Amino acid sequence: YFGKALENSLKLTRIEKDENDNWVPGWKDKREVMVGGMDVFVLTYAELKEAVLITNDWALWYVGWKRGIRSYWLQGLRNEHVLMIVNSEEVVYPER
């Protein structure tokens, strides 16, 4: 776990944003997303355990989403999304 977290810390601290993603909820006109510290551990854990990542941190959500981790940004969810997640139903998020 620590080795993977160390590897991720080198790759994930600064991620170039894909301009084609400007439709996602919470998009801001910045060129990159930065995560660090505990975010790297959270991402590593979610990746290794194939866990669902539910966060209020947009940068953490975006990096997880781009890495293929099933991730949800709380402020971008509608009430029906929350109910579906609670009931372990698949949620298509973000919706285009």
C-alpha atoms as a PDB file:
ATOM      1  CA  TYR A   1       0.000   0.000   0.000  1.00  0.00           C
ATOM      2  CA  PHE A   2       2.726   2.460   0.964  1.00  0.00           C
ATOM      3  CA  GLY A   3       4.712   1.718  -2.205  1.00  0.00           C
ATOM      4  CA  LYS A   4       1.656   2.359  -4.388  1.00  0.00           C
ATOM      5  CA  ALA A   5       0.888   5.552  -2.446  1.00  0.00           C
ATOM      6  CA  LEU A   6       4.457   6.739  -2.974  1.00  0.00           C
ATOM      7  CA  GLU A   7       4.215   5.971  -6.700  1.00  0.00           C
ATOM      8  CA  ASN A   8       0.884   7.827  -6.895  1.00  0.00           C
ATOM      9  CA  SER A   9       2.285  10.821  -5.031  1.00  0.00           C
ATOM     10  CA  LEU A  10       4.810  11.282  -7.816  1.00  0.00           C
ATOM     11  CA  LYS A  11       2.144  10.989 -10.536  1.00  0.00           C
ATOM     12  CA  LEU A  12      -0.879  12.663  -8.975  1.00  0.00           C
ATOM     13  CA  THR A  13       0.275  15.840  -7.270  1.00  0.00           C
ATOM     14  CA  ARG A  14      -0.383  17.903 -10.388  1.00  0.00           C
ATOM     15  CA  ILE A  15      -2.724  16.752 -13.163  1.00  0.00           C
ATOM     16  CA  GLU A  16      -3.243  18.632 -16.426  1.00  0.00           C
ATOM     17  CA  LYS A  17      -6.971  19.177 -16.987  1.00  0.00           C
ATOM     18  CA  ASP A  18      -8.548  17.959 -20.210  1.00  0.00           C
ATOM     19  CA  GLU A  19     -10.388  20.870 -21.870  1.00  0.00           C
ATOM     20  CA  ASN A  20     -12.886  18.367 -23.292  1.00  0.00           C
ATOM     21  CA  ASP A  21     -14.136  17.854 -19.722  1.00  0.00           C
ATOM     22  CA  ASN A  22     -15.414  21.437 -19.366  1.00  0.00           C
ATOM     23  CA  TRP A  23     -18.988  20.066 -19.203  1.00  0.00           C
ATOM     24  CA  VAL A  24     -18.466  18.310 -15.840  1.00  0.00           C
ATOM     25  CA  PRO A  25     -20.103  19.809 -12.732  1.00  0.00           C
ATOM     26  CA  GLY A  26     -17.898  22.301 -10.887  1.00  0.00           C
ATOM     27  CA  TRP A  27     -15.520  22.988 -13.800  1.00  0.00           C
ATOM     28  CA  LYS A  28     -13.302  26.045 -13.338  1.00  0.00           C
ATOM     29  CA  ASP A  29     -10.998  27.631 -15.876  1.00  0.00           C
ATOM     30  CA  LYS A  30      -7.729  26.424 -14.399  1.00  0.00           C
ATOM     31  CA  ARG A  31      -5.189  24.474 -16.392  1.00  0.00           C
ATOM     32  CA  GLU A  32      -4.381  21.884 -13.753  1.00  0.00           C
ATOM     33  CA  VAL A  33      -5.683  20.094 -10.692  1.00  0.00           C
ATOM     34  CA  MET A  34      -3.498  19.677  -7.632  1.00  0.00           C
ATOM     35  CA  VAL A  35      -3.880  17.081  -4.887  1.00  0.00           C
ATOM     36  CA  GLY A  36      -1.514  16.098  -2.146  1.00  0.00           C
ATOM     37  CA  GLY A  37      -1.067  14.663   1.302  1.00  0.00           C
ATOM     38  CA  MET A  38      -4.034  12.622   2.459  1.00  0.00           C
ATOM     39  CA  ASP A  39      -5.717  12.903  -0.956  1.00  0.00           C
ATOM     40  CA  VAL A  40      -3.040  10.608  -2.387  1.00  0.00           C
ATOM     41  CA  PHE A  41      -3.683   8.036   0.349  1.00  0.00           C
ATOM     42  CA  VAL A  42      -7.444   8.223  -0.241  1.00  0.00           C
ATOM     43  CA  LEU A  43      -7.021   7.780  -4.005  1.00  0.00           C
ATOM     44  CA  THR A  44      -4.594   4.899  -3.520  1.00  0.00           C
ATOM     45  CA  TYR A  45      -6.942   3.132  -1.109  1.00  0.00           C
ATOM     46  CA  ALA A  46      -9.928   3.589  -3.434  1.00  0.00           C
ATOM     47  CA  GLU A  47      -7.871   2.301  -6.345  1.00  0.00           C
ATOM     48  CA  LEU A  48      -6.486  -0.776  -4.556  1.00  0.00           C
ATOM     49  CA  LYS A  49      -9.753  -1.747  -2.858  1.00  0.00           C
ATOM     50  CA  GLU A  50     -11.916  -0.836  -5.869  1.00  0.00           C
ATOM     51  CA  ALA A  51     -13.905   1.327  -3.479  1.00  0.00           C
ATOM     52  CA  VAL A  52     -16.412   4.009  -4.380  1.00  0.00           C
ATOM     53  CA  LEU A  53     -15.056   7.494  -3.709  1.00  0.00           C
ATOM     54  CA  ILE A  54     -17.608  10.027  -2.463  1.00  0.00           C
ATOM     55  CA  THR A  55     -16.063  13.392  -1.702  1.00  0.00           C
ATOM     56  CA  ASN A  56     -16.791  17.076  -1.352  1.00  0.00           C
ATOM     57  CA  ASP A  57     -13.345  17.935  -2.761  1.00  0.00           C
ATOM     58  CA  TRP A  58     -13.658  18.661  -6.485  1.00  0.00           C
ATOM     59  CA  ALA A  59      -9.969  18.096  -7.274  1.00  0.00           C
ATOM     60  CA  LEU A  60      -9.990  14.727  -5.499  1.00  0.00           C
ATOM     61  CA  TRP A  61     -13.145  13.725  -7.374  1.00  0.00           C
ATOM     62  CA  TYR A  62     -11.751  14.824 -10.763  1.00  0.00           C
ATOM     63  CA  VAL A  63      -8.462  12.951 -10.358  1.00  0.00           C
ATOM     64  CA  GLY A  64     -10.288   9.824  -9.173  1.00  0.00           C
ATOM     65  CA  TRP A  65     -12.757  10.050 -12.051  1.00  0.00           C
ATOM     66  CA  LYS A  66      -9.956  10.492 -14.607  1.00  0.00           C
ATOM     67  CA  ARG A  67      -8.123   7.473 -13.156  1.00  0.00           C
ATOM     68  CA  GLY A  68     -11.189   5.272 -13.573  1.00  0.00           C
ATOM     69  CA  ILE A  69     -12.195   5.145  -9.907  1.00  0.00           C
ATOM     70  CA  ARG A  70     -15.970   5.206  -9.456  1.00  0.00           C
ATOM     71  CA  SER A  71     -16.229   8.673  -7.902  1.00  0.00           C
ATOM     72  CA  TYR A  72     -18.946  11.124  -6.944  1.00  0.00           C
ATOM     73  CA  TRP A  73     -18.653  14.821  -6.098  1.00  0.00           C
ATOM     74  CA  LEU A  74     -21.280  15.562  -3.426  1.00  0.00           C
ATOM     75  CA  GLN A  75     -22.114  19.076  -4.592  1.00  0.00           C
ATOM     76  CA  GLY A  76     -22.708  17.795  -8.115  1.00  0.00           C
ATOM     77  CA  LEU A  77     -25.178  15.094  -7.098  1.00  0.00           C
ATOM     78  CA  ARG A  78     -28.933  15.429  -7.278  1.00  0.00           C
ATOM     79  CA  ASN A  79     -31.162  13.930  -4.564  1.00  0.00           C
ATOM     80  CA  GLU A  80     -32.078  10.973  -6.766  1.00  0.00           C
ATOM     81  CA  HIS A  81     -28.361  10.237  -7.259  1.00  0.00           C
ATOM     82  CA  VAL A  82     -27.825  10.146  -3.493  1.00  0.00           C
ATOM     83  CA  LEU A  83     -30.742   7.744  -3.036  1.00  0.00           C
ATOM     84  CA  MET A  84     -29.389   5.489  -5.768  1.00  0.00           C
ATOM     85  CA  ILE A  85     -25.910   5.433  -4.173  1.00  0.00           C
ATOM     86  CA  VAL A  86     -27.391   4.652  -0.744  1.00  0.00           C
ATOM     87  CA  ASN A  87     -29.323   1.759  -2.304  1.00  0.00           C
ATOM     88  CA  SER A  88     -26.141   0.460  -4.017  1.00  0.00           C
ATOM     89  CA  GLU A  89     -27.541   1.213  -7.464  1.00  0.00           C
ATOM     90  CA  GLU A  90     -25.304   2.184 -10.361  1.00  0.00           C
ATOM     91  CA  VAL A  91     -25.279   5.932 -10.992  1.00  0.00           C
ATOM     92  CA  VAL A  92     -24.078   7.360 -14.293  1.00  0.00           C
ATOM     93  CA  TYR A  93     -22.030  10.297 -13.079  1.00  0.00           C
ATOM     94  CA  PRO A  94     -21.252  12.776 -14.302  1.00  0.00           C
ATOM     95  CA  GLU A  95     -24.115  12.946 -16.759  1.00  0.00           C
ATOM     96  CA  ARG A  96     -23.339  14.638 -20.030  1.00  0.00           C
END
